[in-house]
Amino acid sequence: MNEQIAAELGIDEKTKGSLVRSVYYKTPAYEAGLRQFDIITGMDGTTYDVREDLIEAIGKKSVGDEVTLHIIRDGKKLDLKVKIGDKNKFPNLAQQQQQRQ
């Protein structure tokens, strides 16, 4: 998240979190209702200012664990329950994500 993105989304420029760039069909994020342009501010009561910290925290979870993502959507705070999936069931997604970085 940066000031420019915050301005484009109409939220406070001091908002910290991870912008959701895309949500792939049939993934746990999709099934939970996560949407493109949501901002994930935390998980299970802990805030994560940067994407890398959030990814690390998710990586410590086990397949099948349920987590609560704290998000901002259209300026409103929401909580979404997401079941951690098996990334091996979505091998093409990992490759697509690496190509974007």
C-alpha atoms as a PDB file:
ATOM      1  CA  MET A   1       0.000   0.000   0.000  1.00  0.00           C
ATOM      2  CA  ASN A   2       1.240   3.468  -0.778  1.00  0.00           C
ATOM      3  CA  GLU A   3      -0.170   7.000  -0.781  1.00  0.00           C
ATOM      4  CA  GLN A   4      -1.028   6.960  -4.483  1.00  0.00           C
ATOM      5  CA  ILE A   5      -3.016   3.724  -4.234  1.00  0.00           C
ATOM      6  CA  ALA A   6      -4.754   4.965  -1.078  1.00  0.00           C
ATOM      7  CA  ALA A   7      -5.799   8.145  -2.899  1.00  0.00           C
ATOM      8  CA  GLU A   8      -7.111   6.162  -5.881  1.00  0.00           C
ATOM      9  CA  LEU A   9      -9.145   3.939  -3.550  1.00  0.00           C
ATOM     10  CA  GLY A  10     -10.392   6.912  -1.529  1.00  0.00           C
ATOM     11  CA  ILE A  11      -8.977   5.776   1.809  1.00  0.00           C
ATOM     12  CA  ASP A  12      -6.692   7.375   4.389  1.00  0.00           C
ATOM     13  CA  GLU A  13      -3.156   7.619   3.045  1.00  0.00           C
ATOM     14  CA  LYS A  14      -1.811   6.338   6.378  1.00  0.00           C
ATOM     15  CA  THR A  15      -3.598   3.008   5.929  1.00  0.00           C
ATOM     16  CA  LYS A  16      -1.158   0.105   6.100  1.00  0.00           C
ATOM     17  CA  GLY A  17      -1.789  -3.263   4.540  1.00  0.00           C
ATOM     18  CA  SER A  18      -1.592  -5.416   1.441  1.00  0.00           C
ATOM     19  CA  LEU A  19      -3.540  -4.596  -1.695  1.00  0.00           C
ATOM     20  CA  VAL A  20      -5.236  -7.585  -3.323  1.00  0.00           C
ATOM     21  CA  ARG A  21      -4.275  -7.384  -6.997  1.00  0.00           C
ATOM     22  CA  SER A  22      -6.233 -10.416  -8.141  1.00  0.00           C
ATOM     23  CA  VAL A  23      -8.257 -13.321  -6.823  1.00  0.00           C
ATOM     24  CA  TYR A  24      -8.169 -16.556  -8.775  1.00  0.00           C
ATOM     25  CA  TYR A  25     -11.318 -18.565  -9.451  1.00  0.00           C
ATOM     26  CA  LYS A  26     -11.987 -21.523  -7.135  1.00  0.00           C
ATOM     27  CA  THR A  27      -9.163 -20.644  -4.708  1.00  0.00           C
ATOM     28  CA  PRO A  28      -9.864 -20.402  -0.971  1.00  0.00           C
ATOM     29  CA  ALA A  29      -9.634 -16.597  -1.232  1.00  0.00           C
ATOM     30  CA  TYR A  30     -12.249 -16.619  -3.999  1.00  0.00           C
ATOM     31  CA  GLU A  31     -14.504 -18.960  -2.034  1.00  0.00           C
ATOM     32  CA  ALA A  32     -14.248 -16.702   1.034  1.00  0.00           C
ATOM     33  CA  GLY A  33     -15.296 -13.629  -0.939  1.00  0.00           C
ATOM     34  CA  LEU A  34     -11.990 -11.769  -1.120  1.00  0.00           C
ATOM     35  CA  ARG A  35     -12.041  -9.276  -4.002  1.00  0.00           C
ATOM     36  CA  GLN A  36      -9.577  -7.412  -6.164  1.00  0.00           C
ATOM     37  CA  PHE A  37      -8.672  -4.051  -4.561  1.00  0.00           C
ATOM     38  CA  ASP A  38      -9.474  -5.226  -1.027  1.00  0.00           C
ATOM     39  CA  ILE A  39      -6.782  -4.165   1.423  1.00  0.00           C
ATOM     40  CA  ILE A  40      -5.752  -6.830   3.922  1.00  0.00           C
ATOM     41  CA  THR A  41      -4.750  -5.040   7.103  1.00  0.00           C
ATOM     42  CA  GLY A  42      -4.323  -8.055   9.340  1.00  0.00           C
ATOM     43  CA  MET A  43      -5.112 -11.621  10.248  1.00  0.00           C
ATOM     44  CA  ASP A  44      -6.494 -13.141  13.440  1.00  0.00           C
ATOM     45  CA  GLY A  45      -6.212  -9.890  15.387  1.00  0.00           C
ATOM     46  CA  THR A  46      -2.640  -9.082  14.317  1.00  0.00           C
ATOM     47  CA  THR A  47      -1.905  -6.205  11.943  1.00  0.00           C
ATOM     48  CA  TYR A  48       0.529  -6.610   9.067  1.00  0.00           C
ATOM     49  CA  ASP A  49       1.815  -3.397   7.510  1.00  0.00           C
ATOM     50  CA  VAL A  50       3.580  -5.038   4.580  1.00  0.00           C
ATOM     51  CA  ARG A  51       2.791  -7.905   2.245  1.00  0.00           C
ATOM     52  CA  GLU A  52       5.877  -9.948   3.122  1.00  0.00           C
ATOM     53  CA  ASP A  53       4.907 -10.119   6.809  1.00  0.00           C
ATOM     54  CA  LEU A  54       1.386 -11.245   5.924  1.00  0.00           C
ATOM     55  CA  ILE A  55       2.696 -13.910   3.534  1.00  0.00           C
ATOM     56  CA  GLU A  56       5.078 -15.186   6.212  1.00  0.00           C
ATOM     57  CA  ALA A  57       2.254 -15.424   8.771  1.00  0.00           C
ATOM     58  CA  ILE A  58       0.020 -17.292   6.327  1.00  0.00           C
ATOM     59  CA  GLY A  59       2.906 -19.632   5.519  1.00  0.00           C
ATOM     60  CA  LYS A  60       3.047 -20.704   9.163  1.00  0.00           C
ATOM     61  CA  LYS A  61      -0.531 -21.967   8.987  1.00  0.00           C
ATOM     62  CA  SER A  62      -1.487 -25.502   7.997  1.00  0.00           C
ATOM     63  CA  VAL A  63      -3.739 -26.570   5.155  1.00  0.00           C
ATOM     64  CA  GLY A  64      -7.283 -26.603   6.483  1.00  0.00           C
ATOM     65  CA  ASP A  65      -6.698 -23.983   9.189  1.00  0.00           C
ATOM     66  CA  GLU A  66      -9.290 -21.232   9.219  1.00  0.00           C
ATOM     67  CA  VAL A  67      -8.102 -17.647   9.625  1.00  0.00           C
ATOM     68  CA  THR A  68      -9.872 -14.325   9.823  1.00  0.00           C
ATOM     69  CA  LEU A  69      -8.564 -11.707   7.431  1.00  0.00           C
ATOM     70  CA  HIS A  70      -9.182  -8.097   8.401  1.00  0.00           C
ATOM     71  CA  ILE A  71      -9.831  -6.092   5.268  1.00  0.00           C
ATOM     72  CA  ILE A  72     -10.910  -2.703   4.037  1.00  0.00           C
ATOM     73  CA  ARG A  73     -13.321  -2.691   1.105  1.00  0.00           C
ATOM     74  CA  ASP A  74     -14.865   0.486  -0.241  1.00  0.00           C
ATOM     75  CA  GLY A  75     -13.712   2.321   2.872  1.00  0.00           C
ATOM     76  CA  LYS A  76     -15.391  -0.144   5.248  1.00  0.00           C
ATOM     77  CA  LYS A  77     -13.692  -2.587   7.608  1.00  0.00           C
ATOM     78  CA  LEU A  78     -14.711  -6.222   7.219  1.00  0.00           C
ATOM     79  CA  ASP A  79     -13.592  -9.603   8.511  1.00  0.00           C
ATOM     80  CA  LEU A  80     -13.508 -12.624   6.211  1.00  0.00           C
ATOM     81  CA  LYS A  81     -13.066 -16.232   7.268  1.00  0.00           C
ATOM     82  CA  VAL A  82     -10.681 -18.026   4.919  1.00  0.00           C
ATOM     83  CA  LYS A  83      -9.653 -21.672   4.983  1.00  0.00           C
ATOM     84  CA  ILE A  84      -5.964 -22.168   4.193  1.00  0.00           C
ATOM     85  CA  GLY A  85      -5.647 -24.165   0.988  1.00  0.00           C
ATOM     86  CA  ASP A  86      -3.001 -26.401  -0.487  1.00  0.00           C
ATOM     87  CA  LYS A  87      -0.890 -24.283  -2.840  1.00  0.00           C
ATOM     88  CA  ASN A  88       0.081 -27.467  -4.719  1.00  0.00           C
ATOM     89  CA  LYS A  89      -3.494 -27.692  -5.994  1.00  0.00           C
ATOM     90  CA  PHE A  90      -2.909 -24.420  -7.814  1.00  0.00           C
ATOM     91  CA  PRO A  91       0.550 -24.860  -9.407  1.00  0.00           C
ATOM     92  CA  ASN A  92      -0.101 -22.409 -12.240  1.00  0.00           C
ATOM     93  CA  LEU A  93      -0.960 -19.626  -9.804  1.00  0.00           C
ATOM     94  CA  ALA A  94       2.461 -19.675  -8.154  1.00  0.00           C
ATOM     95  CA  GLN A  95       4.102 -19.418 -11.566  1.00  0.00           C
ATOM     96  CA  GLN A  96       1.842 -16.530 -12.612  1.00  0.00           C
ATOM     97  CA  GLN A  97       2.571 -14.673  -9.371  1.00  0.00           C
ATOM     98  CA  GLN A  98       6.322 -15.050  -9.819  1.00  0.00           C
ATOM     99  CA  GLN A  99       6.101 -13.637 -13.340  1.00  0.00           C
ATOM    100  CA  ARG A 100       4.389 -10.491 -11.999  1.00  0.00           C
ATOM    101  CA  GLN A 101       7.155  -9.742  -9.512  1.00  0.00           C
END
